[in-house]
Amino acid sequence: MGDELPVVAEFSVWRFRGERSSPYVGRYFYRLRVTDGQLRISSKRVVLAMTTLRTVSDVAILL
């Protein structure tokens, strides 16, 4: 993993449906690697910084 660059990004995503809005906050953890002279994502992990989740179908927007 010495040839990879770890990158962390915080995010806030809002989902609006009807009269409801739902915020999702957390962090993306990326590992970048140079391939053919360009940075490419070799892995991505999403970690939600929330104590509760709504229905599972809502979480699909983060992927």
N, C-alpha and C. Protein backbone atom coordinates (compact mmCIF):
# COMPACT_ATOMS: atom_id res chain seq x y z
N MET A 1 0.81 -1.20 0.00
CA MET A 1 0.00 0.00 0.00
C MET A 1 0.85 1.26 0.00
N GLY A 2 2.16 1.13 -0.17
CA GLY A 2 3.03 2.29 -0.18
C GLY A 2 2.83 3.17 -1.40
N ASP A 3 2.27 2.65 -2.46
CA ASP A 3 2.06 3.42 -3.68
C ASP A 3 0.65 4.01 -3.75
N GLU A 4 -0.08 3.99 -2.62
CA GLU A 4 -1.43 4.55 -2.58
C GLU A 4 -1.47 5.77 -1.67
N LEU A 5 -2.39 6.67 -1.97
CA LEU A 5 -2.57 7.89 -1.21
C LEU A 5 -3.91 7.82 -0.47
N PRO A 6 -3.89 7.83 0.88
CA PRO A 6 -5.16 7.83 1.62
C PRO A 6 -5.76 9.24 1.64
N VAL A 7 -7.05 9.33 1.40
CA VAL A 7 -7.76 10.62 1.37
C VAL A 7 -9.05 10.46 2.16
N VAL A 8 -9.35 11.47 2.99
CA VAL A 8 -10.60 11.48 3.77
C VAL A 8 -11.37 12.74 3.41
N ALA A 9 -12.68 12.58 3.17
CA ALA A 9 -13.54 13.72 2.86
C ALA A 9 -14.82 13.62 3.68
N GLU A 10 -15.20 14.72 4.32
CA GLU A 10 -16.45 14.74 5.05
C GLU A 10 -17.57 15.15 4.09
N PHE A 11 -18.78 14.65 4.36
CA PHE A 11 -19.90 14.98 3.48
C PHE A 11 -21.17 15.24 4.27
N SER A 12 -22.06 15.95 3.63
CA SER A 12 -23.41 16.16 4.11
C SER A 12 -24.32 16.02 2.90
N VAL A 13 -25.24 15.08 2.97
CA VAL A 13 -26.17 14.84 1.87
C VAL A 13 -27.58 15.02 2.41
N TRP A 14 -28.39 15.77 1.68
CA TRP A 14 -29.79 15.95 2.07
C TRP A 14 -30.69 15.24 1.08
N ARG A 15 -31.67 14.54 1.59
CA ARG A 15 -32.65 13.86 0.75
C ARG A 15 -34.00 14.51 0.99
N PHE A 16 -34.64 14.94 -0.09
CA PHE A 16 -35.95 15.57 -0.01
C PHE A 16 -36.97 14.69 -0.70
N ARG A 17 -38.04 14.36 0.01
CA ARG A 17 -39.11 13.55 -0.58
C ARG A 17 -40.42 14.05 0.01
N GLY A 18 -41.27 14.54 -0.86
CA GLY A 18 -42.53 15.09 -0.38
C GLY A 18 -42.28 16.26 0.54
N GLU A 19 -42.86 16.21 1.71
CA GLU A 19 -42.69 17.27 2.70
C GLU A 19 -41.55 16.98 3.69
N ARG A 20 -40.86 15.86 3.50
CA ARG A 20 -39.80 15.46 4.43
C ARG A 20 -38.41 15.75 3.88
N SER A 21 -37.50 16.08 4.77
CA SER A 21 -36.09 16.19 4.40
C SER A 21 -35.29 15.38 5.42
N SER A 22 -34.27 14.69 4.93
CA SER A 22 -33.45 13.84 5.79
C SER A 22 -31.97 14.13 5.53
N PRO A 23 -31.23 14.55 6.56
CA PRO A 23 -29.79 14.77 6.38
C PRO A 23 -29.00 13.49 6.68
N TYR A 24 -27.93 13.31 5.95
CA TYR A 24 -26.99 12.21 6.20
C TYR A 24 -25.60 12.83 6.23
N VAL A 25 -24.85 12.58 7.29
CA VAL A 25 -23.50 13.12 7.41
C VAL A 25 -22.53 11.98 7.70
N GLY A 26 -21.31 12.17 7.30
CA GLY A 26 -20.31 11.15 7.54
C GLY A 26 -19.01 11.46 6.83
N ARG A 27 -18.24 10.42 6.59
CA ARG A 27 -16.93 10.56 5.93
C ARG A 27 -16.77 9.52 4.84
N TYR A 28 -16.09 9.94 3.80
CA TYR A 28 -15.62 9.02 2.75
C TYR A 28 -14.15 8.76 3.02
N PHE A 29 -13.74 7.52 2.94
CA PHE A 29 -12.33 7.15 3.05
C PHE A 29 -11.92 6.55 1.71
N TYR A 30 -11.04 7.24 1.00
CA TYR A 30 -10.57 6.80 -0.31
C TYR A 30 -9.13 6.34 -0.24
N ARG A 31 -8.75 5.46 -1.16
CA ARG A 31 -7.35 5.15 -1.42
C ARG A 31 -7.16 5.40 -2.92
N LEU A 32 -6.23 6.31 -3.24
CA LEU A 32 -5.97 6.69 -4.63
C LEU A 32 -4.65 6.09 -5.07
N ARG A 33 -4.58 5.76 -6.34
CA ARG A 33 -3.37 5.18 -6.91
C ARG A 33 -3.17 5.80 -8.31
N VAL A 34 -1.93 6.00 -8.69
CA VAL A 34 -1.62 6.53 -10.02
C VAL A 34 -1.61 5.36 -11.00
N THR A 35 -2.46 5.48 -12.02
CA THR A 35 -2.56 4.49 -13.09
C THR A 35 -2.55 5.22 -14.42
N ASP A 36 -1.62 4.89 -15.27
CA ASP A 36 -1.47 5.56 -16.58
C ASP A 36 -1.39 7.07 -16.44
N GLY A 37 -0.68 7.53 -15.40
CA GLY A 37 -0.46 8.96 -15.21
C GLY A 37 -1.64 9.71 -14.60
N GLN A 38 -2.69 9.01 -14.19
CA GLN A 38 -3.86 9.66 -13.60
C GLN A 38 -4.17 9.05 -12.24
N LEU A 39 -4.69 9.87 -11.34
CA LEU A 39 -5.14 9.35 -10.06
C LEU A 39 -6.44 8.60 -10.24
N ARG A 40 -6.51 7.40 -9.70
CA ARG A 40 -7.71 6.56 -9.77
C ARG A 40 -8.07 6.11 -8.37
N ILE A 41 -9.36 5.94 -8.11
CA ILE A 41 -9.82 5.44 -6.83
C ILE A 41 -9.63 3.93 -6.81
N SER A 42 -8.82 3.44 -5.86
CA SER A 42 -8.64 2.00 -5.75
C SER A 42 -9.59 1.40 -4.71
N SER A 43 -10.02 2.22 -3.73
CA SER A 43 -11.05 1.77 -2.79
C SER A 43 -11.77 2.98 -2.21
N LYS A 44 -13.01 2.74 -1.78
CA LYS A 44 -13.83 3.80 -1.18
C LYS A 44 -14.66 3.17 -0.08
N ARG A 45 -14.69 3.83 1.08
CA ARG A 45 -15.50 3.36 2.21
C ARG A 45 -16.30 4.54 2.73
N VAL A 46 -17.57 4.32 3.00
CA VAL A 46 -18.46 5.35 3.53
C VAL A 46 -18.78 5.01 4.98
N VAL A 47 -18.54 5.97 5.88
CA VAL A 47 -18.86 5.78 7.29
C VAL A 47 -19.82 6.89 7.70
N LEU A 48 -21.04 6.50 8.08
CA LEU A 48 -22.02 7.47 8.52
C LEU A 48 -21.75 7.89 9.95
N ALA A 49 -21.87 9.17 10.23
CA ALA A 49 -21.67 9.71 11.58
C ALA A 49 -23.04 10.00 12.19
N MET A 50 -23.85 8.95 12.28
CA MET A 50 -25.21 9.11 12.78
C MET A 50 -25.49 8.00 13.78
N THR A 51 -26.34 8.29 14.75
CA THR A 51 -26.68 7.29 15.75
C THR A 51 -27.88 6.45 15.35
N THR A 52 -28.71 6.96 14.44
CA THR A 52 -29.87 6.21 13.95
C THR A 52 -29.96 6.35 12.44
N LEU A 53 -30.59 5.37 11.81
CA LEU A 53 -30.82 5.40 10.37
C LEU A 53 -32.31 5.30 10.09
N ARG A 54 -32.70 5.88 8.99
CA ARG A 54 -34.08 5.70 8.54
C ARG A 54 -34.15 4.40 7.77
N THR A 55 -35.12 4.25 6.92
CA THR A 55 -35.25 3.00 6.16
C THR A 55 -34.03 2.76 5.30
N VAL A 56 -33.73 1.53 5.05
CA VAL A 56 -32.52 1.14 4.33
C VAL A 56 -32.49 1.73 2.92
N SER A 57 -33.62 1.86 2.28
CA SER A 57 -33.64 2.38 0.91
C SER A 57 -33.11 3.80 0.84
N ASP A 58 -33.22 4.57 1.91
CA ASP A 58 -32.69 5.92 1.93
C ASP A 58 -31.17 5.94 1.85
N VAL A 59 -30.51 4.94 2.42
CA VAL A 59 -29.06 4.93 2.50
C VAL A 59 -28.43 4.68 1.13
N ALA A 60 -29.15 4.12 0.19
CA ALA A 60 -28.60 3.82 -1.14
C ALA A 60 -28.09 5.07 -1.85
N ILE A 61 -28.55 6.25 -1.48
CA ILE A 61 -28.11 7.47 -2.14
C ILE A 61 -26.64 7.76 -1.89
N LEU A 62 -26.05 7.20 -0.85
CA LEU A 62 -24.65 7.46 -0.52
C LEU A 62 -23.68 6.64 -1.35
N LEU A 63 -24.15 5.55 -1.89
CA LEU A 63 -23.29 4.65 -2.63
C LEU A 63 -23.11 5.17 -4.02
